[in-house]
Structures are given as C-alpha cells and as structure tokens.
Amino acid sequence: MSRRASPFGSSYAQWARFMGQAGSLYMESAAVIRLRTLAMMTGGAAATDEAQTMVSEKIEATIEAAFDIPNLPLNPAAAASAALKPYRKRVRANHKRLSGG
C-alpha cells in the first residue's frame, strides 16, 4: 500500500513554525492598529505624521519583500516564513514605539 504525499510538504514542523509566526503577526498587528487609531484620533501634526509613516512603511515592506523573492528558500514553508519577515520586523518596531516599550 503506497502512502499519499502530505499536502504540507515534508515538514510539519516548518509549517507549524510559520503558523506561529503568522498568528503572532496577526495579534501584534491588531495591537498596532489599536495604538495607531488612538494616536491618530488626537489629530494635529502628530496624527498626520503617523498616517504618513504608516503608508510609507507598508510601501517599504512590500518593496523589501518583492526584492527578496529571488532569495526565498525552495521549501514552501520556509519561503512563507521568509516572506513575512519584512512585515514582522516593522510591526514589532511599531508596537514597541507606540506602546512606549
């Protein structure tokens, strides 16, 4: 009797790592959205600066991810984790900055 190939590829551990990273990004992103919303509700120059920062960071992260495509690993799970890296780096920095930590 032959075994069927797993839809997750050769390594469940790598996909589990990716899912953990994606879940962490989701939770931290929600916190950043909340903190940014509170910061922008005050209005004024600080709110304008925060909105401009938000947009420029998204563009920078997308460009960084796009330029890194040729360097992605061939393993799908490792590639997915690597593709999240530019976004995770910025979200983590924003969370730290906005929460005062």
PDB file of N, CA and C in Angstrom:
ATOM      1  N   MET A   1       0.844  -1.170   0.000  1.00  0.00           N
ATOM      2  CA  MET A   1       0.000   0.000   0.000  1.00  0.00           C
ATOM      3  C   MET A   1       0.901   1.250   0.000  1.00  0.00           C
ATOM      4  N   SER A   2       0.660   2.154  -0.917  1.00  0.00           N
ATOM      5  CA  SER A   2       1.503   3.349  -1.004  1.00  0.00           C
ATOM      6  C   SER A   2       0.939   4.474  -0.137  1.00  0.00           C
ATOM      7  N   ARG A   3       1.845   5.300   0.302  1.00  0.00           N
ATOM      8  CA  ARG A   3       1.449   6.460   1.103  1.00  0.00           C
ATOM      9  C   ARG A   3       1.207   7.646   0.182  1.00  0.00           C
ATOM     10  N   ARG A   4       0.217   8.424   0.518  1.00  0.00           N
ATOM     11  CA  ARG A   4      -0.047   9.649  -0.244  1.00  0.00           C
ATOM     12  C   ARG A   4       0.842  10.752   0.291  1.00  0.00           C
ATOM     13  N   ALA A   5       1.239  11.643  -0.584  1.00  0.00           N
ATOM     14  CA  ALA A   5       2.074  12.775  -0.177  1.00  0.00           C
ATOM     15  C   ALA A   5       1.263  13.721   0.698  1.00  0.00           C
ATOM     16  N   SER A   6       1.923  14.274   1.663  1.00  0.00           N
ATOM     17  CA  SER A   6       1.275  15.226   2.555  1.00  0.00           C
ATOM     18  C   SER A   6       1.057  16.549   1.829  1.00  0.00           C
ATOM     19  N   PRO A   7      -0.090  17.187   2.002  1.00  0.00           N
ATOM     20  CA  PRO A   7      -0.312  18.492   1.364  1.00  0.00           C
ATOM     21  C   PRO A   7       0.581  19.580   1.970  1.00  0.00           C
ATOM     22  N   PHE A   8       1.193  19.289   3.115  1.00  0.00           N
ATOM     23  CA  PHE A   8       2.049  20.271   3.778  1.00  0.00           C
ATOM     24  C   PHE A   8       3.513  20.100   3.427  1.00  0.00           C
ATOM     25  N   GLY A   9       3.819  19.216   2.531  1.00  0.00           N
ATOM     26  CA  GLY A   9       5.207  19.009   2.163  1.00  0.00           C
ATOM     27  C   GLY A   9       5.897  18.075   3.136  1.00  0.00           C
ATOM     28  N   SER A  10       7.183  18.218   3.242  1.00  0.00           N
ATOM     29  CA  SER A  10       7.960  17.261   4.018  1.00  0.00           C
ATOM     30  C   SER A  10       8.044  17.588   5.501  1.00  0.00           C
ATOM     31  N   SER A  11       7.710  18.775   5.900  1.00  0.00           N
ATOM     32  CA  SER A  11       7.962  19.128   7.291  1.00  0.00           C
ATOM     33  C   SER A  11       6.777  19.836   7.944  1.00  0.00           C
ATOM     34  N   TYR A  12       6.110  19.099   8.811  1.00  0.00           N
ATOM     35  CA  TYR A  12       5.025  19.718   9.586  1.00  0.00           C
ATOM     36  C   TYR A  12       5.574  20.776  10.528  1.00  0.00           C
ATOM     37  N   ALA A  13       6.785  20.549  11.041  1.00  0.00           N
ATOM     38  CA  ALA A  13       7.384  21.483  11.990  1.00  0.00           C
ATOM     39  C   ALA A  13       7.594  22.854  11.356  1.00  0.00           C
ATOM     40  N   GLN A  14       8.013  22.878  10.099  1.00  0.00           N
ATOM     41  CA  GLN A  14       8.220  24.168   9.429  1.00  0.00           C
ATOM     42  C   GLN A  14       6.894  24.889   9.212  1.00  0.00           C
ATOM     43  N   TRP A  15       5.845  24.144   8.873  1.00  0.00           N
ATOM     44  CA  TRP A  15       4.538  24.776   8.701  1.00  0.00           C
ATOM     45  C   TRP A  15       3.996  25.241  10.045  1.00  0.00           C
ATOM     46  N   ALA A  16       4.237  24.468  11.083  1.00  0.00           N
ATOM     47  CA  ALA A  16       3.799  24.875  12.423  1.00  0.00           C
ATOM     48  C   ALA A  16       4.517  26.153  12.845  1.00  0.00           C
ATOM     49  N   ARG A  17       5.799  26.261  12.534  1.00  0.00           N
ATOM     50  CA  ARG A  17       6.565  27.472  12.841  1.00  0.00           C
ATOM     51  C   ARG A  17       5.978  28.669  12.089  1.00  0.00           C
ATOM     52  N   PHE A  18       5.684  28.457  10.802  1.00  0.00           N
ATOM     53  CA  PHE A  18       5.084  29.530  10.012  1.00  0.00           C
ATOM     54  C   PHE A  18       3.745  29.964  10.599  1.00  0.00           C
ATOM     55  N   MET A  19       2.911  29.004  10.981  1.00  0.00           N
ATOM     56  CA  MET A  19       1.599  29.340  11.545  1.00  0.00           C
ATOM     57  C   MET A  19       1.754  30.119  12.848  1.00  0.00           C
ATOM     58  N   GLY A  20       2.743  29.761  13.643  1.00  0.00           N
ATOM     59  CA  GLY A  20       3.011  30.517  14.864  1.00  0.00           C
ATOM     60  C   GLY A  20       3.440  31.942  14.555  1.00  0.00           C
ATOM     61  N   GLN A  21       4.305  32.090  13.552  1.00  0.00           N
ATOM     62  CA  GLN A  21       4.758  33.424  13.155  1.00  0.00           C
ATOM     63  C   GLN A  21       3.598  34.250  12.595  1.00  0.00           C
ATOM     64  N   ALA A  22       2.767  33.632  11.789  1.00  0.00           N
ATOM     65  CA  ALA A  22       1.618  34.342  11.210  1.00  0.00           C
ATOM     66  C   ALA A  22       0.627  34.738  12.303  1.00  0.00           C
ATOM     67  N   GLY A  23       0.391  33.851  13.255  1.00  0.00           N
ATOM     68  CA  GLY A  23      -0.508  34.166  14.370  1.00  0.00           C
ATOM     69  C   GLY A  23       0.027  35.293  15.220  1.00  0.00           C
ATOM     70  N   SER A  24       1.329  35.272  15.472  1.00  0.00           N
ATOM     71  CA  SER A  24       1.964  36.346  16.239  1.00  0.00           C
ATOM     72  C   SER A  24       1.858  37.678  15.493  1.00  0.00           C
ATOM     73  N   LEU A  25       2.094  37.640  14.177  1.00  0.00           N
ATOM     74  CA  LEU A  25       1.972  38.851  13.365  1.00  0.00           C
ATOM     75  C   LEU A  25       0.541  39.383  13.419  1.00  0.00           C
ATOM     76  N   TYR A  26      -0.425  38.502  13.355  1.00  0.00           N
ATOM     77  CA  TYR A  26      -1.831  38.897  13.418  1.00  0.00           C
ATOM     78  C   TYR A  26      -2.139  39.612  14.740  1.00  0.00           C
ATOM     79  N   MET A  27      -1.724  39.015  15.844  1.00  0.00           N
ATOM     80  CA  MET A  27      -2.024  39.589  17.155  1.00  0.00           C
ATOM     81  C   MET A  27      -1.305  40.925  17.360  1.00  0.00           C
ATOM     82  N   GLU A  28      -0.045  40.969  16.982  1.00  0.00           N
ATOM     83  CA  GLU A  28       0.708  42.213  17.158  1.00  0.00           C
ATOM     84  C   GLU A  28       0.203  43.305  16.213  1.00  0.00           C
ATOM     85  N   SER A  29      -0.217  42.926  15.018  1.00  0.00           N
ATOM     86  CA  SER A  29      -0.789  43.895  14.072  1.00  0.00           C
ATOM     87  C   SER A  29      -2.064  44.513  14.629  1.00  0.00           C
ATOM     88  N   ALA A  30      -2.898  43.691  15.248  1.00  0.00           N
ATOM     89  CA  ALA A  30      -4.137  44.203  15.845  1.00  0.00           C
ATOM     90  C   ALA A  30      -3.822  45.214  16.939  1.00  0.00           C
ATOM     91  N   ALA A  31      -2.804  44.931  17.731  1.00  0.00           N
ATOM     92  CA  ALA A  31      -2.410  45.869  18.787  1.00  0.00           C
ATOM     93  C   ALA A  31      -1.896  47.174  18.190  1.00  0.00           C
ATOM     94  N   VAL A  32      -1.108  47.076  17.118  1.00  0.00           N
ATOM     95  CA  VAL A  32      -0.573  48.279  16.465  1.00  0.00           C
ATOM     96  C   VAL A  32      -1.713  49.100  15.860  1.00  0.00           C
ATOM     97  N   ILE A  33      -2.682  48.442  15.249  1.00  0.00           N
ATOM     98  CA  ILE A  33      -3.828  49.159  14.683  1.00  0.00           C
ATOM     99  C   ILE A  33      -4.563  49.915  15.780  1.00  0.00           C
ATOM    100  N   ARG A  34      -4.765  49.266  16.908  1.00  0.00           N
ATOM    101  CA  ARG A  34      -5.441  49.920  18.036  1.00  0.00           C
ATOM    102  C   ARG A  34      -4.643  51.126  18.522  1.00  0.00           C
ATOM    103  N   LEU A  35      -3.340  50.949  18.709  1.00  0.00           N
ATOM    104  CA  LEU A  35      -2.499  52.047  19.197  1.00  0.00           C
ATOM    105  C   LEU A  35      -2.432  53.189  18.187  1.00  0.00           C
ATOM    106  N   ARG A  36      -2.333  52.852  16.905  1.00  0.00           N
ATOM    107  CA  ARG A  36      -2.288  53.892  15.877  1.00  0.00           C
ATOM    108  C   ARG A  36      -3.608  54.645  15.805  1.00  0.00           C
ATOM    109  N   THR A  37      -4.708  53.931  15.922  1.00  0.00           N
ATOM    110  CA  THR A  37      -6.013  54.576  15.888  1.00  0.00           C
ATOM    111  C   THR A  37      -6.131  55.579  17.031  1.00  0.00           C
ATOM    112  N   LEU A  38      -5.724  55.169  18.208  1.00  0.00           N
ATOM    113  CA  LEU A  38      -5.762  56.084  19.360  1.00  0.00           C
ATOM    114  C   LEU A  38      -4.870  57.290  19.135  1.00  0.00           C
ATOM    115  N   ALA A  39      -3.683  57.062  18.581  1.00  0.00           N
ATOM    116  CA  ALA A  39      -2.751  58.165  18.321  1.00  0.00           C
ATOM    117  C   ALA A  39      -3.300  59.124  17.271  1.00  0.00           C
ATOM    118  N   MET A  40      -3.950  58.592  16.243  1.00  0.00           N
ATOM    119  CA  MET A  40      -4.453  59.452  15.171  1.00  0.00           C
ATOM    120  C   MET A  40      -5.752  60.156  15.546  1.00  0.00           C
ATOM    121  N   MET A  41      -6.453  59.651  16.549  1.00  0.00           N
ATOM    122  CA  MET A  41      -7.690  60.312  16.981  1.00  0.00           C
ATOM    123  C   MET A  41      -7.428  61.676  17.611  1.00  0.00           C
ATOM    124  N   THR A  42      -6.203  61.896  18.051  1.00  0.00           N
ATOM    125  CA  THR A  42      -5.880  63.181  18.676  1.00  0.00           C
ATOM    126  C   THR A  42      -5.803  64.302  17.652  1.00  0.00           C
ATOM    127  N   GLY A  43      -5.558  63.943  16.389  1.00  0.00           N
ATOM    128  CA  GLY A  43      -5.484  64.947  15.332  1.00  0.00           C
ATOM    129  C   GLY A  43      -4.168  65.699  15.373  1.00  0.00           C
ATOM    130  N   GLY A  44      -4.079  66.709  14.561  1.00  0.00           N
ATOM    131  CA  GLY A  44      -2.898  67.561  14.536  1.00  0.00           C
ATOM    132  C   GLY A  44      -1.743  66.968  13.737  1.00  0.00           C
ATOM    133  N   ALA A  45      -0.590  67.589  13.904  1.00  0.00           N
ATOM    134  CA  ALA A  45       0.600  67.214  13.147  1.00  0.00           C
ATOM    135  C   ALA A  45       1.065  65.796  13.480  1.00  0.00           C
ATOM    136  N   ALA A  46       0.945  65.404  14.746  1.00  0.00           N
ATOM    137  CA  ALA A  46       1.377  64.064  15.148  1.00  0.00           C
ATOM    138  C   ALA A  46       0.548  62.988  14.452  1.00  0.00           C
ATOM    139  N   ALA A  47      -0.748  63.219  14.319  1.00  0.00           N
ATOM    140  CA  ALA A  47      -1.618  62.258  13.639  1.00  0.00           C
ATOM    141  C   ALA A  47      -1.285  62.183  12.154  1.00  0.00           C
ATOM    142  N   THR A  48      -1.013  63.327  11.552  1.00  0.00           N
ATOM    143  CA  THR A  48      -0.634  63.356  10.137  1.00  0.00           C
ATOM    144  C   THR A  48       0.671  62.615   9.924  1.00  0.00           C
ATOM    145  N   ASP A  49       1.636  62.852  10.803  1.00  0.00           N
ATOM    146  CA  ASP A  49       2.927  62.158  10.711  1.00  0.00           C
ATOM    147  C   ASP A  49       2.751  60.651  10.849  1.00  0.00           C
ATOM    148  N   GLU A  50       1.911  60.232  11.778  1.00  0.00           N
ATOM    149  CA  GLU A  50       1.677  58.802  11.993  1.00  0.00           C
ATOM    150  C   GLU A  50       1.029  58.162  10.764  1.00  0.00           C
ATOM    151  N   ALA A  51       0.077  58.849  10.154  1.00  0.00           N
ATOM    152  CA  ALA A  51      -0.573  58.329   8.950  1.00  0.00           C
ATOM    153  C   ALA A  51       0.430  58.208   7.805  1.00  0.00           C
ATOM    154  N   GLN A  52       1.290  59.204   7.646  1.00  0.00           N
ATOM    155  CA  GLN A  52       2.301  59.144   6.599  1.00  0.00           C
ATOM    156  C   GLN A  52       3.312  58.033   6.865  1.00  0.00           C
ATOM    157  N   THR A  53       3.690  57.867   8.118  1.00  0.00           N
ATOM    158  CA  THR A  53       4.606  56.790   8.493  1.00  0.00           C
ATOM    159  C   THR A  53       3.987  55.434   8.174  1.00  0.00           C
ATOM    160  N   MET A  54       2.715  55.283   8.509  1.00  0.00           N
ATOM    161  CA  MET A  54       2.009  54.029   8.277  1.00  0.00           C
ATOM    162  C   MET A  54       2.047  53.654   6.793  1.00  0.00           C
ATOM    163  N   VAL A  55       1.725  54.593   5.937  1.00  0.00           N
ATOM    164  CA  VAL A  55       1.685  54.319   4.499  1.00  0.00           C
ATOM    165  C   VAL A  55       3.086  54.041   3.963  1.00  0.00           C
ATOM    166  N   SER A  56       4.053  54.854   4.331  1.00  0.00           N
ATOM    167  CA  SER A  56       5.410  54.664   3.800  1.00  0.00           C
ATOM    168  C   SER A  56       6.014  53.344   4.266  1.00  0.00           C
ATOM    169  N   GLU A  57       5.726  52.922   5.506  1.00  0.00           N
ATOM    170  CA  GLU A  57       6.250  51.644   5.992  1.00  0.00           C
ATOM    171  C   GLU A  57       5.649  50.472   5.225  1.00  0.00           C
ATOM    172  N   LYS A  58       4.386  50.568   4.885  1.00  0.00           N
ATOM    173  CA  LYS A  58       3.758  49.484   4.123  1.00  0.00           C
ATOM    174  C   LYS A  58       4.389  49.371   2.736  1.00  0.00           C
ATOM    175  N   ILE A  59       4.651  50.503   2.120  1.00  0.00           N
ATOM    176  CA  ILE A  59       5.286  50.501   0.799  1.00  0.00           C
ATOM    177  C   ILE A  59       6.699  49.928   0.902  1.00  0.00           C
ATOM    178  N   GLU A  60       7.465  50.369   1.910  1.00  0.00           N
ATOM    179  CA  GLU A  60       8.833  49.878   2.095  1.00  0.00           C
ATOM    180  C   GLU A  60       8.861  48.377   2.345  1.00  0.00           C
ATOM    181  N   ALA A  61       7.959  47.878   3.172  1.00  0.00           N
ATOM    182  CA  ALA A  61       7.922  46.446   3.475  1.00  0.00           C
ATOM    183  C   ALA A  61       7.578  45.640   2.231  1.00  0.00           C
ATOM    184  N   THR A  62       6.653  46.140   1.426  1.00  0.00           N
ATOM    185  CA  THR A  62       6.270  45.439   0.202  1.00  0.00           C
ATOM    186  C   THR A  62       7.430  45.401  -0.787  1.00  0.00           C
ATOM    187  N   ILE A  63       8.137  46.517  -0.915  1.00  0.00           N
ATOM    188  CA  ILE A  63       9.296  46.562  -1.816  1.00  0.00           C
ATOM    189  C   ILE A  63      10.380  45.612  -1.316  1.00  0.00           C
ATOM    190  N   GLU A  64      10.648  45.623  -0.009  1.00  0.00           N
ATOM    191  CA  GLU A  64      11.662  44.728   0.555  1.00  0.00           C
ATOM    192  C   GLU A  64      11.292  43.267   0.293  1.00  0.00           C
ATOM    193  N   ALA A  65      10.029  42.922   0.515  1.00  0.00           N
ATOM    194  CA  ALA A  65       9.589  41.548   0.283  1.00  0.00           C
ATOM    195  C   ALA A  65       9.710  41.182  -1.196  1.00  0.00           C
ATOM    196  N   ALA A  66       9.365  42.108  -2.080  1.00  0.00           N
ATOM    197  CA  ALA A  66       9.437  41.830  -3.518  1.00  0.00           C
ATOM    198  C   ALA A  66      10.873  41.616  -3.976  1.00  0.00           C
ATOM    199  N   PHE A  67      11.798  42.426  -3.486  1.00  0.00           N
ATOM    200  CA  PHE A  67      13.193  42.276  -3.882  1.00  0.00           C
ATOM    201  C   PHE A  67      13.824  41.023  -3.302  1.00  0.00           C
ATOM    202  N   ASP A  68      13.236  40.480  -2.244  1.00  0.00           N
ATOM    203  CA  ASP A  68      13.790  39.282  -1.620  1.00  0.00           C
ATOM    204  C   ASP A  68      13.253  37.996  -2.253  1.00  0.00           C
ATOM    205  N   ILE A  69      12.312  38.096  -3.164  1.00  0.00           N
ATOM    206  CA  ILE A  69      11.725  36.901  -3.787  1.00  0.00           C
ATOM    207  C   ILE A  69      12.785  35.973  -4.388  1.00  0.00           C
ATOM    208  N   PRO A  70      13.784  36.487  -5.120  1.00  0.00           N
ATOM    209  CA  PRO A  70      14.783  35.563  -5.683  1.00  0.00           C
ATOM    210  C   PRO A  70      15.585  34.808  -4.619  1.00  0.00           C
ATOM    211  N   ASN A  71      15.631  35.318  -3.400  1.00  0.00           N
ATOM    212  CA  ASN A  71      16.412  34.695  -2.344  1.00  0.00           C
ATOM    213  C   ASN A  71      15.598  33.771  -1.444  1.00  0.00           C
ATOM    214  N   LEU A  72      14.305  33.621  -1.735  1.00  0.00           N
ATOM    215  CA  LEU A  72      13.468  32.769  -0.899  1.00  0.00           C
ATOM    216  C   LEU A  72      13.896  31.316  -1.023  1.00  0.00           C
ATOM    217  N   PRO A  73      13.821  30.582   0.078  1.00  0.00           N
ATOM    218  CA  PRO A  73      14.153  29.153   0.012  1.00  0.00           C
ATOM    219  C   PRO A  73      13.168  28.402  -0.885  1.00  0.00           C
ATOM    220  N   LEU A  74      13.583  27.257  -1.373  1.00  0.00           N
ATOM    221  CA  LEU A  74      12.711  26.458  -2.228  1.00  0.00           C
ATOM    222  C   LEU A  74      11.635  25.746  -1.427  1.00  0.00           C
ATOM    223  N   ASN A  75      11.875  25.508  -0.166  1.00  0.00           N
ATOM    224  CA  ASN A  75      10.886  24.867   0.694  1.00  0.00           C
ATOM    225  C   ASN A  75       9.721  25.829   0.900  1.00  0.00           C
ATOM    226  N   PRO A  76       8.499  25.411   0.580  1.00  0.00           N
ATOM    227  CA  PRO A  76       7.359  26.331   0.673  1.00  0.00           C
ATOM    228  C   PRO A  76       7.138  26.914   2.072  1.00  0.00           C
ATOM    229  N   ALA A  77       7.284  26.115   3.101  1.00  0.00           N
ATOM    230  CA  ALA A  77       7.065  26.614   4.467  1.00  0.00           C
ATOM    231  C   ALA A  77       8.137  27.623   4.846  1.00  0.00           C
ATOM    232  N   ALA A  78       9.374  27.343   4.506  1.00  0.00           N
ATOM    233  CA  ALA A  78      10.470  28.281   4.803  1.00  0.00           C
ATOM    234  C   ALA A  78      10.305  29.560   3.987  1.00  0.00           C
ATOM    235  N   ALA A  79       9.836  29.434   2.750  1.00  0.00           N
ATOM    236  CA  ALA A  79       9.608  30.616   1.911  1.00  0.00           C
ATOM    237  C   ALA A  79       8.502  31.485   2.494  1.00  0.00           C
ATOM    238  N   ALA A  80       7.447  30.847   2.986  1.00  0.00           N
ATOM    239  CA  ALA A  80       6.343  31.602   3.587  1.00  0.00           C
ATOM    240  C   ALA A  80       6.831  32.359   4.827  1.00  0.00           C
ATOM    241  N   SER A  81       7.633  31.710   5.654  1.00  0.00           N
ATOM    242  CA  SER A  81       8.183  32.367   6.842  1.00  0.00           C
ATOM    243  C   SER A  81       9.078  33.544   6.449  1.00  0.00           C
ATOM    244  N   ALA A  82       9.919  33.331   5.448  1.00  0.00           N
ATOM    245  CA  ALA A  82      10.821  34.395   4.996  1.00  0.00           C
ATOM    246  C   ALA A  82      10.048  35.569   4.409  1.00  0.00           C
ATOM    247  N   ALA A  83       8.941  35.290   3.730  1.00  0.00           N
ATOM    248  CA  ALA A  83       8.143  36.360   3.127  1.00  0.00           C
ATOM    249  C   ALA A  83       7.495  37.249   4.182  1.00  0.00           C
ATOM    250  N   LEU A  84       7.229  36.706   5.354  1.00  0.00           N
ATOM    251  CA  LEU A  84       6.628  37.502   6.439  1.00  0.00           C
ATOM    252  C   LEU A  84       7.639  38.403   7.141  1.00  0.00           C
ATOM    253  N   LYS A  85       8.907  38.101   6.995  1.00  0.00           N
ATOM    254  CA  LYS A  85       9.950  38.776   7.779  1.00  0.00           C
ATOM    255  C   LYS A  85       9.918  40.302   7.712  1.00  0.00           C
ATOM    256  N   PRO A  86       9.836  40.920   6.514  1.00  0.00           N
ATOM    257  CA  PRO A  86       9.823  42.389   6.470  1.00  0.00           C
ATOM    258  C   PRO A  86       8.629  42.999   7.218  1.00  0.00           C
ATOM    259  N   TYR A  87       7.498  42.318   7.159  1.00  0.00           N
ATOM    260  CA  TYR A  87       6.295  42.825   7.830  1.00  0.00           C
ATOM    261  C   TYR A  87       6.408  42.651   9.344  1.00  0.00           C
ATOM    262  N   ARG A  88       6.899  41.492   9.761  1.00  0.00           N
ATOM    263  CA  ARG A  88       7.043  41.227  11.194  1.00  0.00           C
ATOM    264  C   ARG A  88       8.011  42.214  11.837  1.00  0.00           C
ATOM    265  N   LYS A  89       9.099  42.532  11.122  1.00  0.00           N
ATOM    266  CA  LYS A  89      10.101  43.467  11.642  1.00  0.00           C
ATOM    267  C   LYS A  89       9.476  44.842  11.892  1.00  0.00           C
ATOM    268  N   ARG A  90       8.692  45.320  10.954  1.00  0.00           N
ATOM    269  CA  ARG A  90       8.089  46.647  11.092  1.00  0.00           C
ATOM    270  C   ARG A  90       6.967  46.668  12.125  1.00  0.00           C
ATOM    271  N   VAL A  91       6.162  45.627  12.146  1.00  0.00           N
ATOM    272  CA  VAL A  91       5.073  45.576  13.129  1.00  0.00           C
ATOM    273  C   VAL A  91       5.644  45.538  14.536  1.00  0.00           C
ATOM    274  N   ARG A  92       6.679  44.736  14.740  1.00  0.00           N
ATOM    275  CA  ARG A  92       7.305  44.652  16.064  1.00  0.00           C
ATOM    276  C   ARG A  92       7.870  46.012  16.488  1.00  0.00           C
ATOM    277  N   ALA A  93       8.549  46.691  15.573  1.00  0.00           N
ATOM    278  CA  ALA A  93       9.117  48.013  15.880  1.00  0.00           C
ATOM    279  C   ALA A  93       8.007  49.024  16.187  1.00  0.00           C
ATOM    280  N   ASN A  94       6.927  48.985  15.423  1.00  0.00           N
ATOM    281  CA  ASN A  94       5.812  49.906  15.669  1.00  0.00           C
ATOM    282  C   ASN A  94       5.144  49.624  17.005  1.00  0.00           C
ATOM    283  N   HIS A  95       4.973  48.365  17.325  1.00  0.00           N
ATOM    284  CA  HIS A  95       4.355  48.026  18.600  1.00  0.00           C
ATOM    285  C   HIS A  95       5.198  48.555  19.751  1.00  0.00           C
ATOM    286  N   LYS A  96       6.494  48.363  19.643  1.00  0.00           N
ATOM    287  CA  LYS A  96       7.416  48.851  20.681  1.00  0.00           C
ATOM    288  C   LYS A  96       7.344  50.375  20.793  1.00  0.00           C
ATOM    289  N   ARG A  97       7.386  51.055  19.646  1.00  0.00           N
ATOM    290  CA  ARG A  97       7.378  52.514  19.637  1.00  0.00           C
ATOM    291  C   ARG A  97       6.059  53.070  20.159  1.00  0.00           C
ATOM    292  N   LEU A  98       4.945  52.535  19.689  1.00  0.00           N
ATOM    293  CA  LEU A  98       3.637  53.078  20.047  1.00  0.00           C
ATOM    294  C   LEU A  98       3.216  52.741  21.470  1.00  0.00           C
ATOM    295  N   SER A  99       3.704  51.620  22.003  1.00  0.00           N
ATOM    296  CA  SER A  99       3.326  51.230  23.354  1.00  0.00           C
ATOM    297  C   SER A  99       4.267  51.811  24.405  1.00  0.00           C
ATOM    298  N   GLY A 100       5.298  52.515  23.931  1.00  0.00           N
ATOM    299  CA  GLY A 100       6.243  53.126  24.869  1.00  0.00           C
ATOM    300  C   GLY A 100       7.223  52.133  25.459  1.00  0.00           C
ATOM    301  N   GLY A 101       7.292  50.950  24.866  1.00  0.00           N
ATOM    302  CA  GLY A 101       8.157  49.919  25.406  1.00  0.00           C
ATOM    303  C   GLY A 101       9.396  49.800  24.648  1.00  0.00           C
TER     304      GLY A 101
END
